[in-house]
Amino acid sequence: MPSVKLRASRILSEYGAAQSELIGSAVVLTDGKAGTVENVWLDELHGLRIS
C-alpha cells in the first residue's frame, strides 16, 4: 500500500478506536461540569471533537 494510503488507514483506525474507547466514558469539563461522552467526530478546523 502506498505510504499516503497507509497513513490515512492508520488515522481512520485510530479514530475508530478513540470513538469506541471514549463514548460512554465519564468526563469532567474545564468548567467543572461532569457527564459522559456522547459523540466523537472529526472537525476540519479543530481536529478531534468530543461532546
Protein backbone atom coordinates (compact mmCIF):
# COMPACT_ATOMS: atom_id res chain seq x y z
CA MET A 1 0.00 0.00 0.00
CA PRO A 2 1.43 3.44 -0.85
CA SER A 3 2.58 5.42 2.19
CA VAL A 4 -0.21 8.03 1.91
CA LYS A 5 -2.93 5.38 1.87
CA LEU A 6 -1.24 3.53 4.71
CA ARG A 7 -1.11 6.71 6.85
CA ALA A 8 -4.75 7.51 6.06
CA SER A 9 -5.74 3.98 7.00
CA ARG A 10 -3.90 4.26 10.32
CA ILE A 11 -5.57 7.60 11.10
CA LEU A 12 -9.04 6.18 10.45
CA SER A 13 -8.22 3.11 12.50
CA GLU A 14 -7.12 5.24 15.47
CA TYR A 15 -10.21 7.42 15.09
CA GLY A 16 -12.42 4.33 15.31
CA ALA A 17 -10.51 3.12 18.36
CA ALA A 18 -10.90 6.53 20.04
CA GLN A 19 -14.64 6.51 19.36
CA SER A 20 -15.18 3.09 20.87
CA GLU A 21 -12.96 3.87 23.87
CA LEU A 22 -14.38 7.31 24.68
CA ILE A 23 -18.15 7.05 24.06
CA GLY A 24 -19.87 6.41 27.37
CA SER A 25 -16.83 7.40 29.44
CA ALA A 26 -17.26 9.75 32.39
CA VAL A 27 -15.62 13.16 31.97
CA VAL A 28 -15.19 16.40 33.88
CA LEU A 29 -15.03 19.54 31.75
CA THR A 30 -12.77 22.51 32.38
CA ASP A 31 -15.76 24.50 33.70
CA GLY A 32 -16.34 21.85 36.40
CA LYS A 33 -19.36 20.16 34.81
CA ALA A 34 -19.45 16.36 34.76
CA GLY A 35 -21.08 14.00 32.29
CA THR A 36 -20.43 11.27 29.75
CA VAL A 37 -19.06 11.37 26.23
CA GLU A 38 -21.94 11.11 23.74
CA ASN A 39 -20.22 11.78 20.42
CA VAL A 40 -16.74 11.90 18.88
CA TRP A 41 -16.16 13.36 15.44
CA LEU A 42 -13.51 14.94 13.25
CA ASP A 43 -13.73 18.68 12.65
CA GLU A 44 -11.72 20.22 9.82
CA LEU A 45 -10.90 23.30 11.93
CA HIS A 46 -10.25 21.74 15.34
CA GLY A 47 -9.37 18.09 14.76
CA LEU A 48 -10.93 15.57 17.14
CA ARG A 49 -14.07 16.94 18.81
CA ILE A 50 -15.78 15.34 21.80
CA SER A 51 -19.23 16.18 23.19
